[in-house]
Amino acid sequence: RGIAMGWFRQAPGKEREFVAAISWSGGSTYYADSVKGRFTISRDNAK
């Protein structure tokens, strides 16, 4: 409850980079430009 979540990724030899984030309610999402339009972050708080 109340915790925003994110996804990051890391390729060998590279820094861990931001992919996507979502607010607690799911009402706000935020994407890296590299994945925008292709990836979708979502959450099911009941689960």
All heavy atoms as atom14 arrays in JSON, in Angstrom:
{
  "sequence": "RGIAMGWFRQAPGKEREFVAAISWSGGSTYYADSVKGRFTISRDNAK",
  "atom14_mask": [
    [1, 1, 1, 1, 1, 1, 1, 1, 1, 1, 1, 0, 0, 0],
    [1, 1, 1, 1, 0, 0, 0, 0, 0, 0, 0, 0, 0, 0],
    [1, 1, 1, 1, 1, 1, 1, 1, 0, 0, 0, 0, 0, 0],
    [1, 1, 1, 1, 1, 0, 0, 0, 0, 0, 0, 0, 0, 0],
    [1, 1, 1, 1, 1, 1, 1, 1, 0, 0, 0, 0, 0, 0],
    [1, 1, 1, 1, 0, 0, 0, 0, 0, 0, 0, 0, 0, 0],
    [1, 1, 1, 1, 1, 1, 1, 1, 1, 1, 1, 1, 1, 1],
    [1, 1, 1, 1, 1, 1, 1, 1, 1, 1, 1, 0, 0, 0],
    [1, 1, 1, 1, 1, 1, 1, 1, 1, 1, 1, 0, 0, 0],
    [1, 1, 1, 1, 1, 1, 1, 1, 1, 0, 0, 0, 0, 0],
    [1, 1, 1, 1, 1, 0, 0, 0, 0, 0, 0, 0, 0, 0],
    [1, 1, 1, 1, 1, 1, 1, 0, 0, 0, 0, 0, 0, 0],
    [1, 1, 1, 1, 0, 0, 0, 0, 0, 0, 0, 0, 0, 0],
    [1, 1, 1, 1, 1, 1, 1, 1, 1, 0, 0, 0, 0, 0],
    [1, 1, 1, 1, 1, 1, 1, 1, 1, 0, 0, 0, 0, 0],
    [1, 1, 1, 1, 1, 1, 1, 1, 1, 1, 1, 0, 0, 0],
    [1, 1, 1, 1, 1, 1, 1, 1, 1, 0, 0, 0, 0, 0],
    [1, 1, 1, 1, 1, 1, 1, 1, 1, 1, 1, 0, 0, 0],
    [1, 1, 1, 1, 1, 1, 1, 0, 0, 0, 0, 0, 0, 0],
    [1, 1, 1, 1, 1, 0, 0, 0, 0, 0, 0, 0, 0, 0],
    [1, 1, 1, 1, 1, 0, 0, 0, 0, 0, 0, 0, 0, 0],
    [1, 1, 1, 1, 1, 1, 1, 1, 0, 0, 0, 0, 0, 0],
    [1, 1, 1, 1, 1, 1, 0, 0, 0, 0, 0, 0, 0, 0],
    [1, 1, 1, 1, 1, 1, 1, 1, 1, 1, 1, 1, 1, 1],
    [1, 1, 1, 1, 1, 1, 0, 0, 0, 0, 0, 0, 0, 0],
    [1, 1, 1, 1, 0, 0, 0, 0, 0, 0, 0, 0, 0, 0],
    [1, 1, 1, 1, 0, 0, 0, 0, 0, 0, 0, 0, 0, 0],
    [1, 1, 1, 1, 1, 1, 0, 0, 0, 0, 0, 0, 0, 0],
    [1, 1, 1, 1, 1, 1, 1, 0, 0, 0, 0, 0, 0, 0],
    [1, 1, 1, 1, 1, 1, 1, 1, 1, 1, 1, 1, 0, 0],
    [1, 1, 1, 1, 1, 1, 1, 1, 1, 1, 1, 1, 0, 0],
    [1, 1, 1, 1, 1, 0, 0, 0, 0, 0, 0, 0, 0, 0],
    [1, 1, 1, 1, 1, 1, 1, 1, 0, 0, 0, 0, 0, 0],
    [1, 1, 1, 1, 1, 1, 0, 0, 0, 0, 0, 0, 0, 0],
    [1, 1, 1, 1, 1, 1, 1, 0, 0, 0, 0, 0, 0, 0],
    [1, 1, 1, 1, 1, 1, 1, 1, 1, 0, 0, 0, 0, 0],
    [1, 1, 1, 1, 0, 0, 0, 0, 0, 0, 0, 0, 0, 0],
    [1, 1, 1, 1, 1, 1, 1, 1, 1, 1, 1, 0, 0, 0],
    [1, 1, 1, 1, 1, 1, 1, 1, 1, 1, 1, 0, 0, 0],
    [1, 1, 1, 1, 1, 1, 1, 0, 0, 0, 0, 0, 0, 0],
    [1, 1, 1, 1, 1, 1, 1, 1, 0, 0, 0, 0, 0, 0],
    [1, 1, 1, 1, 1, 1, 0, 0, 0, 0, 0, 0, 0, 0],
    [1, 1, 1, 1, 1, 1, 1, 1, 1, 1, 1, 0, 0, 0],
    [1, 1, 1, 1, 1, 1, 1, 1, 0, 0, 0, 0, 0, 0],
    [1, 1, 1, 1, 1, 1, 1, 1, 0, 0, 0, 0, 0, 0],
    [1, 1, 1, 1, 1, 0, 0, 0, 0, 0, 0, 0, 0, 0],
    [1, 1, 1, 1, 1, 1, 1, 1, 1, 0, 0, 0, 0, 0]
  ],
  "atom14_positions": [
    [[0.81, -1.2, 0.0], [0.0, 0.0, 0.0], [0.85, 1.26, 0.0], [1.77, 1.42, 0.81], [-0.93, 0.0, 1.21], [-1.89, 1.18, 1.25], [-2.88, 1.05, 2.39], [-3.8, 2.16, 2.41], [-4.9, 2.24, 1.68], [-5.22, 1.27, 0.85], [-5.69, 3.31, 1.78], [0.0, 0.0, 0.0], [0.0, 0.0, 0.0], [0.0, 0.0, 0.0]],
    [[0.54, 2.16, -0.91], [1.18, 3.46, -0.95], [2.54, 3.49, -1.6], [3.18, 4.55, -1.61], [0.0, 0.0, 0.0], [0.0, 0.0, 0.0], [0.0, 0.0, 0.0], [0.0, 0.0, 0.0], [0.0, 0.0, 0.0], [0.0, 0.0, 0.0], [0.0, 0.0, 0.0], [0.0, 0.0, 0.0], [0.0, 0.0, 0.0], [0.0, 0.0, 0.0]],
    [[2.99, 2.39, -2.17], [4.35, 2.29, -2.7], [4.35, 2.31, -4.21], [3.74, 1.46, -4.86], [5.02, 0.99, -2.19], [5.03, 0.95, -0.66], [6.43, 0.88, -2.75], [5.8, 2.09, -0.02], [0.0, 0.0, 0.0], [0.0, 0.0, 0.0], [0.0, 0.0, 0.0], [0.0, 0.0, 0.0], [0.0, 0.0, 0.0], [0.0, 0.0, 0.0]],
    [[5.08, 3.28, -4.77], [5.3, 3.3, -6.21], [6.31, 2.23, -6.6], [7.19, 1.88, -5.81], [5.77, 4.68, -6.65], [0.0, 0.0, 0.0], [0.0, 0.0, 0.0], [0.0, 0.0, 0.0], [0.0, 0.0, 0.0], [0.0, 0.0, 0.0], [0.0, 0.0, 0.0], [0.0, 0.0, 0.0], [0.0, 0.0, 0.0], [0.0, 0.0, 0.0]],
    [[6.19, 1.73, -7.82], [7.02, 0.63, -8.29], [7.68, 1.01, -9.61], [7.19, 1.86, -10.35], [6.19, -0.63, -8.5], [5.41, -1.09, -7.28], [6.48, -1.77, -5.99], [7.09, -3.25, -6.81], [0.0, 0.0, 0.0], [0.0, 0.0, 0.0], [0.0, 0.0, 0.0], [0.0, 0.0, 0.0], [0.0, 0.0, 0.0], [0.0, 0.0, 0.0]],
    [[8.79, 0.34, -9.89], [9.48, 0.59, -11.14], [10.09, -0.66, -11.71], [10.24, -1.68, -11.03], [0.0, 0.0, 0.0], [0.0, 0.0, 0.0], [0.0, 0.0, 0.0], [0.0, 0.0, 0.0], [0.0, 0.0, 0.0], [0.0, 0.0, 0.0], [0.0, 0.0, 0.0], [0.0, 0.0, 0.0], [0.0, 0.0, 0.0], [0.0, 0.0, 0.0]],
    [[10.41, -0.58, -12.99], [11.19, -1.6, -13.68], [12.47, -0.96, -14.21], [12.44, 0.14, -14.78], [10.42, -2.2, -14.86], [9.32, -3.14, -14.48], [8.0, -2.86, -14.35], [9.46, -4.54, -14.22], [7.3, -3.98, -14.01], [8.17, -5.03, -13.93], [10.53, -5.42, -14.2], [7.93, -6.38, -13.62], [10.3, -6.75, -13.89], [9.02, -7.21, -13.61]],
    [[13.56, -1.67, -14.02], [14.86, -1.29, -14.56], [15.42, -2.48, -15.33], [14.96, -3.61, -15.17], [15.82, -0.88, -13.44], [15.47, 0.41, -12.77], [14.41, 0.48, -11.87], [16.2, 1.56, -13.02], [14.08, 1.66, -11.25], [15.88, 2.76, -12.39], [14.82, 2.81, -11.51], [0.0, 0.0, 0.0], [0.0, 0.0, 0.0], [0.0, 0.0, 0.0]],
    [[16.44, -2.22, -16.13], [17.09, -3.32, -16.84], [18.58, -3.06, -16.91], [19.04, -1.92, -16.86], [16.5, -3.5, -18.24], [16.76, -2.34, -19.19], [15.99, -2.55, -20.49], [16.26, -1.5, -21.46], [15.64, -1.39, -22.62], [14.7, -2.27, -22.97], [15.95, -0.39, -23.45], [0.0, 0.0, 0.0], [0.0, 0.0, 0.0], [0.0, 0.0, 0.0]],
    [[19.33, -4.14, -17.06], [20.77, -4.04, -17.13], [21.32, -5.08, -18.1], [21.12, -6.27, -17.92], [21.4, -4.23, -15.75], [22.89, -3.98, -15.71], [23.41, -3.91, -14.29], [22.82, -4.44, -13.36], [24.53, -3.24, -14.12], [0.0, 0.0, 0.0], [0.0, 0.0, 0.0], [0.0, 0.0, 0.0], [0.0, 0.0, 0.0], [0.0, 0.0, 0.0]],
    [[22.02, -4.6, -19.1], [22.71, -5.46, -20.04], [24.15, -5.63, -19.57], [24.68, -4.79, -18.85], [22.68, -4.86, -21.44], [0.0, 0.0, 0.0], [0.0, 0.0, 0.0], [0.0, 0.0, 0.0], [0.0, 0.0, 0.0], [0.0, 0.0, 0.0], [0.0, 0.0, 0.0], [0.0, 0.0, 0.0], [0.0, 0.0, 0.0], [0.0, 0.0, 0.0]],
    [[24.83, -6.72, -19.97], [26.21, -6.94, -19.55], [27.11, -5.76, -19.89], [27.09, -5.25, -21.02], [26.62, -8.19, -20.32], [25.34, -8.92, -20.55], [24.32, -7.84, -20.79], [0.0, 0.0, 0.0], [0.0, 0.0, 0.0], [0.0, 0.0, 0.0], [0.0, 0.0, 0.0], [0.0, 0.0, 0.0], [0.0, 0.0, 0.0], [0.0, 0.0, 0.0]],
    [[27.88, -5.32, -18.92], [28.8, -4.22, -19.13], [28.17, -2.84, -19.14], [28.88, -1.86, -19.37], [0.0, 0.0, 0.0], [0.0, 0.0, 0.0], [0.0, 0.0, 0.0], [0.0, 0.0, 0.0], [0.0, 0.0, 0.0], [0.0, 0.0, 0.0], [0.0, 0.0, 0.0], [0.0, 0.0, 0.0], [0.0, 0.0, 0.0], [0.0, 0.0, 0.0]],
    [[26.88, -2.76, -18.9], [26.2, -1.48, -18.92], [25.6, -1.16, -17.55], [25.43, -2.03, -16.71], [25.08, -1.48, -19.97], [25.58, -1.62, -21.4], [24.43, -1.51, -22.38], [24.92, -1.59, -23.81], [23.79, -1.47, -24.78], [0.0, 0.0, 0.0], [0.0, 0.0, 0.0], [0.0, 0.0, 0.0], [0.0, 0.0, 0.0], [0.0, 0.0, 0.0]],
    [[25.29, 0.1, -17.37], [24.63, 0.54, -16.15], [23.18, 0.09, -16.14], [22.56, -0.07, -17.19], [24.68, 2.06, -16.04], [26.07, 2.63, -15.8], [26.55, 2.36, -14.4], [25.83, 2.71, -13.44], [27.63, 1.78, -14.26], [0.0, 0.0, 0.0], [0.0, 0.0, 0.0], [0.0, 0.0, 0.0], [0.0, 0.0, 0.0], [0.0, 0.0, 0.0]],
    [[22.67, -0.12, -14.94], [21.26, -0.4, -14.8], [20.46, 0.84, -15.18], [20.71, 1.93, -14.65], [20.94, -0.83, -13.37], [19.56, -1.4, -13.2], [19.39, -2.04, -11.83], [20.31, -3.15, -11.64], [20.29, -3.96, -10.58], [19.38, -3.81, -9.63], [21.19, -4.93, -10.49], [0.0, 0.0, 0.0], [0.0, 0.0, 0.0], [0.0, 0.0, 0.0]],
    [[19.52, 0.69, -16.09], [18.79, 1.83, -16.59], [17.29, 1.71, -16.34], [16.72, 0.62, -16.3], [19.04, 2.02, -18.09], [18.49, 0.92, -18.97], [18.7, 1.19, -20.45], [19.32, 2.2, -20.81], [18.22, 0.36, -21.26], [0.0, 0.0, 0.0], [0.0, 0.0, 0.0], [0.0, 0.0, 0.0], [0.0, 0.0, 0.0], [0.0, 0.0, 0.0]],
    [[16.69, 2.85, -16.2], [15.26, 2.95, -15.96], [14.46, 2.5, -17.17], [14.82, 2.81, -18.31], [14.91, 4.39, -15.6], [13.46, 4.67, -15.54], [12.69, 4.24, -14.47], [12.83, 5.38, -16.55], [11.34, 4.5, -14.4], [11.48, 5.65, -16.51], [10.73, 5.2, -15.43], [0.0, 0.0, 0.0], [0.0, 0.0, 0.0], [0.0, 0.0, 0.0]],
    [[13.37, 1.8, -16.91], [12.47, 1.36, -17.97], [11.09, 1.99, -17.81], [10.58, 2.63, -18.72], [12.34, -0.17, -18.0], [11.31, -0.6, -19.04], [13.69, -0.81, -18.28], [0.0, 0.0, 0.0], [0.0, 0.0, 0.0], [0.0, 0.0, 0.0], [0.0, 0.0, 0.0], [0.0, 0.0, 0.0], [0.0, 0.0, 0.0], [0.0, 0.0, 0.0]],
    [[10.47, 1.81, -16.64], [9.12, 2.29, -16.42], [8.83, 2.37, -14.94], [9.45, 1.67, -14.13], [8.1, 1.36, -17.11], [0.0, 0.0, 0.0], [0.0, 0.0, 0.0], [0.0, 0.0, 0.0], [0.0, 0.0, 0.0], [0.0, 0.0, 0.0], [0.0, 0.0, 0.0], [0.0, 0.0, 0.0], [0.0, 0.0, 0.0], [0.0, 0.0, 0.0]],
    [[7.88, 3.2, -14.58], [7.45, 3.33, -13.19], [5.95, 3.56, -13.14], [5.35, 4.06, -14.11], [8.18, 4.47, -12.48], [0.0, 0.0, 0.0], [0.0, 0.0, 0.0], [0.0, 0.0, 0.0], [0.0, 0.0, 0.0], [0.0, 0.0, 0.0], [0.0, 0.0, 0.0], [0.0, 0.0, 0.0], [0.0, 0.0, 0.0], [0.0, 0.0, 0.0]],
    [[5.36, 3.22, -12.0], [3.93, 3.38, -11.82], [3.64, 3.8, -10.39], [4.29, 3.33, -9.45], [3.19, 2.07, -12.18], [1.67, 2.27, -12.18], [3.6, 0.92, -11.26], [0.91, 1.12, -12.83], [0.0, 0.0, 0.0], [0.0, 0.0, 0.0], [0.0, 0.0, 0.0], [0.0, 0.0, 0.0], [0.0, 0.0, 0.0], [0.0, 0.0, 0.0]],
    [[2.69, 4.71, -10.23], [2.31, 5.18, -8.91], [1.51, 4.11, -8.18], [1.08, 3.11, -8.76], [1.49, 6.46, -9.03], [0.28, 6.22, -9.73], [0.0, 0.0, 0.0], [0.0, 0.0, 0.0], [0.0, 0.0, 0.0], [0.0, 0.0, 0.0], [0.0, 0.0, 0.0], [0.0, 0.0, 0.0], [0.0, 0.0, 0.0], [0.0, 0.0, 0.0]],
    [[1.29, 4.35, -6.89], [0.53, 3.42, -6.07], [-0.84, 3.15, -6.66], [-1.28, 1.99, -6.75], [0.4, 3.95, -4.64], [-0.77, 3.37, -3.91], [-1.89, 4.03, -3.5], [-0.94, 2.0, -3.5], [-2.75, 3.17, -2.86], [-2.19, 1.92, -2.84], [-0.17, 0.85, -3.61], [-2.68, 0.73, -2.32], [-0.66, -0.34, -3.1], [-1.89, -0.39, -2.45]],
    [[-1.53, 4.18, -7.06], [-2.88, 4.02, -7.56], [-2.91, 3.46, -8.97], [-3.96, 2.99, -9.43], [-3.6, 5.37, -7.54], [-3.04, 6.25, -8.49], [0.0, 0.0, 0.0], [0.0, 0.0, 0.0], [0.0, 0.0, 0.0], [0.0, 0.0, 0.0], [0.0, 0.0, 0.0], [0.0, 0.0, 0.0], [0.0, 0.0, 0.0], [0.0, 0.0, 0.0]],
    [[-1.79, 3.52, -9.66], [-1.76, 3.16, -11.06], [-2.16, 4.28, -11.98], [-2.13, 4.12, -13.21], [0.0, 0.0, 0.0], [0.0, 0.0, 0.0], [0.0, 0.0, 0.0], [0.0, 0.0, 0.0], [0.0, 0.0, 0.0], [0.0, 0.0, 0.0], [0.0, 0.0, 0.0], [0.0, 0.0, 0.0], [0.0, 0.0, 0.0], [0.0, 0.0, 0.0]],
    [[-2.51, 5.42, -11.41], [-2.97, 6.54, -12.2], [-1.88, 7.28, -12.94], [-2.18, 8.03, -13.88], [0.0, 0.0, 0.0], [0.0, 0.0, 0.0], [0.0, 0.0, 0.0], [0.0, 0.0, 0.0], [0.0, 0.0, 0.0], [0.0, 0.0, 0.0], [0.0, 0.0, 0.0], [0.0, 0.0, 0.0], [0.0, 0.0, 0.0], [0.0, 0.0, 0.0]],
    [[-0.64, 7.12, -12.52], [0.48, 7.78, -13.17], [1.5, 6.74, -13.6], [1.9, 5.89, -12.81], [1.14, 8.79, -12.23], [0.25, 9.83, -11.89], [0.0, 0.0, 0.0], [0.0, 0.0, 0.0], [0.0, 0.0, 0.0], [0.0, 0.0, 0.0], [0.0, 0.0, 0.0], [0.0, 0.0, 0.0], [0.0, 0.0, 0.0], [0.0, 0.0, 0.0]],
    [[1.91, 6.82, -14.84], [2.98, 5.98, -15.36], [4.03, 6.83, -16.02], [3.76, 7.95, -16.47], [2.45, 4.93, -16.35], [1.76, 5.6, -17.42], [1.48, 3.98, -15.66], [0.0, 0.0, 0.0], [0.0, 0.0, 0.0], [0.0, 0.0, 0.0], [0.0, 0.0, 0.0], [0.0, 0.0, 0.0], [0.0, 0.0, 0.0], [0.0, 0.0, 0.0]],
    [[5.22, 6.28, -16.11], [6.38, 7.03, -16.6], [7.29, 6.04, -17.3], [7.62, 4.99, -16.74], [7.05, 7.69, -15.4], [8.34, 8.43, -15.63], [8.59, 9.12, -16.81], [9.3, 8.46, -14.63], [9.77, 9.8, -17.0], [10.49, 9.15, -14.8], [10.72, 9.82, -15.98], [11.89, 10.51, -16.15], [0.0, 0.0, 0.0], [0.0, 0.0, 0.0]],
    [[7.7, 6.35, -18.53], [8.48, 5.44, -19.34], [9.74, 6.09, -19.87], [9.77, 7.28, -20.19], [7.67, 4.97, -20.55], [6.43, 4.2, -20.2], [5.2, 4.85, -20.08], [6.48, 2.83, -19.99], [4.06, 4.14, -19.76], [5.33, 2.12, -19.67], [4.13, 2.78, -19.56], [2.99, 2.08, -19.25], [0.0, 0.0, 0.0], [0.0, 0.0, 0.0]],
    [[10.77, 5.28, -19.99], [11.95, 5.71, -20.71], [11.59, 5.91, -22.18], [10.75, 5.19, -22.73], [13.07, 4.68, -20.58], [0.0, 0.0, 0.0], [0.0, 0.0, 0.0], [0.0, 0.0, 0.0], [0.0, 0.0, 0.0], [0.0, 0.0, 0.0], [0.0, 0.0, 0.0], [0.0, 0.0, 0.0], [0.0, 0.0, 0.0], [0.0, 0.0, 0.0]],
    [[12.23, 6.87, -22.81], [11.94, 7.14, -24.22], [12.17, 5.91, -25.09], [11.47, 5.71, -26.09], [12.81, 8.29, -24.72], [12.38, 9.63, -24.17], [11.25, 9.75, -23.67], [13.19, 10.58, -24.25], [0.0, 0.0, 0.0], [0.0, 0.0, 0.0], [0.0, 0.0, 0.0], [0.0, 0.0, 0.0], [0.0, 0.0, 0.0], [0.0, 0.0, 0.0]],
    [[13.13, 5.09, -24.72], [13.48, 3.93, -25.53], [12.39, 2.87, -25.59], [12.4, 2.03, -26.49], [14.78, 3.3, -25.01], [14.63, 2.88, -23.67], [0.0, 0.0, 0.0], [0.0, 0.0, 0.0], [0.0, 0.0, 0.0], [0.0, 0.0, 0.0], [0.0, 0.0, 0.0], [0.0, 0.0, 0.0], [0.0, 0.0, 0.0], [0.0, 0.0, 0.0]],
    [[11.47, 2.89, -24.63], [10.42, 1.87, -24.59], [9.03, 2.45, -24.75], [8.06, 1.69, -24.86], [10.49, 1.04, -23.3], [11.88, 0.46, -23.11], [10.08, 1.87, -22.08], [0.0, 0.0, 0.0], [0.0, 0.0, 0.0], [0.0, 0.0, 0.0], [0.0, 0.0, 0.0], [0.0, 0.0, 0.0], [0.0, 0.0, 0.0], [0.0, 0.0, 0.0]],
    [[8.91, 3.74, -24.77], [7.61, 4.39, -24.85], [6.87, 3.95, -26.11], [7.44, 3.95, -27.2], [7.78, 5.91, -24.82], [6.51, 6.68, -24.57], [6.82, 8.17, -24.39], [7.7, 8.4, -23.18], [7.98, 9.85, -22.97], [0.0, 0.0, 0.0], [0.0, 0.0, 0.0], [0.0, 0.0, 0.0], [0.0, 0.0, 0.0], [0.0, 0.0, 0.0]],
    [[5.63, 3.58, -25.94], [4.83, 3.11, -27.05], [4.92, 1.62, -27.29], [4.1, 1.07, -28.04], [0.0, 0.0, 0.0], [0.0, 0.0, 0.0], [0.0, 0.0, 0.0], [0.0, 0.0, 0.0], [0.0, 0.0, 0.0], [0.0, 0.0, 0.0], [0.0, 0.0, 0.0], [0.0, 0.0, 0.0], [0.0, 0.0, 0.0], [0.0, 0.0, 0.0]],
    [[5.9, 0.96, -26.68], [6.06, -0.48, -26.84], [5.81, -1.24, -25.54], [5.3, -2.36, -25.57], [7.48, -0.8, -27.32], [7.81, -0.19, -28.67], [9.16, -0.7, -29.19], [10.25, -0.33, -28.32], [11.06, -1.19, -27.71], [10.9, -2.5, -27.9], [12.05, -0.76, -26.93], [0.0, 0.0, 0.0], [0.0, 0.0, 0.0], [0.0, 0.0, 0.0]],
    [[6.17, -0.65, -24.42], [6.03, -1.3, -23.12], [4.89, -0.64, -22.34], [4.65, 0.57, -22.46], [7.3, -1.17, -22.29], [8.48, -1.96, -22.8], [8.48, -2.57, -24.03], [9.6, -2.09, -21.99], [9.57, -3.3, -24.48], [10.7, -2.81, -22.42], [10.68, -3.41, -23.68], [0.0, 0.0, 0.0], [0.0, 0.0, 0.0], [0.0, 0.0, 0.0]],
    [[4.24, -1.43, -21.5], [3.19, -0.92, -20.63], [3.38, -1.48, -19.24], [3.46, -2.7, -19.06], [1.8, -1.31, -21.14], [1.61, -0.82, -22.48], [0.72, -0.71, -20.25], [0.0, 0.0, 0.0], [0.0, 0.0, 0.0], [0.0, 0.0, 0.0], [0.0, 0.0, 0.0], [0.0, 0.0, 0.0], [0.0, 0.0, 0.0], [0.0, 0.0, 0.0]],
    [[3.44, -0.6, -18.26], [3.53, -1.02, -16.87], [2.14, -0.94, -16.25], [1.37, -0.02, -16.55], [4.54, -0.16, -16.08], [4.75, -0.72, -14.67], [4.11, 1.3, -16.03], [5.9, -0.06, -13.92], [0.0, 0.0, 0.0], [0.0, 0.0, 0.0], [0.0, 0.0, 0.0], [0.0, 0.0, 0.0], [0.0, 0.0, 0.0], [0.0, 0.0, 0.0]],
    [[1.81, -1.91, -15.43], [0.53, -1.93, -14.74], [0.7, -2.62, -13.4], [1.75, -3.21, -13.12], [-0.54, -2.63, -15.59], [-0.19, -3.98, -15.83], [0.0, 0.0, 0.0], [0.0, 0.0, 0.0], [0.0, 0.0, 0.0], [0.0, 0.0, 0.0], [0.0, 0.0, 0.0], [0.0, 0.0, 0.0], [0.0, 0.0, 0.0], [0.0, 0.0, 0.0]],
    [[-0.33, -2.55, -12.57], [-0.26, -3.22, -11.28], [-1.63, -3.67, -10.84], [-2.66, -3.09, -11.2], [0.37, -2.31, -10.21], [-0.44, -1.08, -9.85], [0.4, -0.09, -9.04], [0.81, -0.65, -7.76], [1.77, -0.14, -7.0], [2.43, 0.95, -7.4], [2.09, -0.71, -5.84], [0.0, 0.0, 0.0], [0.0, 0.0, 0.0], [0.0, 0.0, 0.0]],
    [[-1.64, -4.72, -10.06], [-2.84, -5.25, -9.44], [-2.55, -5.29, -7.95], [-1.9, -6.21, -7.46], [-3.16, -6.64, -9.98], [-4.47, -7.18, -9.46], [-4.96, -6.71, -8.42], [-5.02, -8.1, -10.1], [0.0, 0.0, 0.0], [0.0, 0.0, 0.0], [0.0, 0.0, 0.0], [0.0, 0.0, 0.0], [0.0, 0.0, 0.0], [0.0, 0.0, 0.0]],
    [[-3.02, -4.28, -7.25], [-2.69, -4.16, -5.83], [-3.32, -5.26, -4.99], [-2.77, -5.62, -3.95], [-3.1, -2.79, -5.31], [-2.22, -1.68, -5.85], [-1.09, -1.93, -6.3], [-2.73, -0.45, -5.81], [0.0, 0.0, 0.0], [0.0, 0.0, 0.0], [0.0, 0.0, 0.0], [0.0, 0.0, 0.0], [0.0, 0.0, 0.0], [0.0, 0.0, 0.0]],
    [[-4.44, -5.78, -5.42], [-5.06, -6.88, -4.7], [-4.19, -8.13, -4.73], [-4.28, -8.97, -3.83], [-6.44, -7.19, -5.28], [0.0, 0.0, 0.0], [0.0, 0.0, 0.0], [0.0, 0.0, 0.0], [0.0, 0.0, 0.0], [0.0, 0.0, 0.0], [0.0, 0.0, 0.0], [0.0, 0.0, 0.0], [0.0, 0.0, 0.0], [0.0, 0.0, 0.0]],
    [[-3.36, -8.25, -5.76], [-2.46, -9.38, -5.89], [-1.02, -9.04, -5.53], [-0.14, -9.9, -5.65], [-2.5, -9.93, -7.32], [-3.85, -10.48, -7.73], [-3.81, -11.02, -9.15], [-5.13, -11.63, -9.55], [-5.09, -12.15, -10.94], [0.0, 0.0, 0.0], [0.0, 0.0, 0.0], [0.0, 0.0, 0.0], [0.0, 0.0, 0.0], [0.0, 0.0, 0.0]]
  ]
}
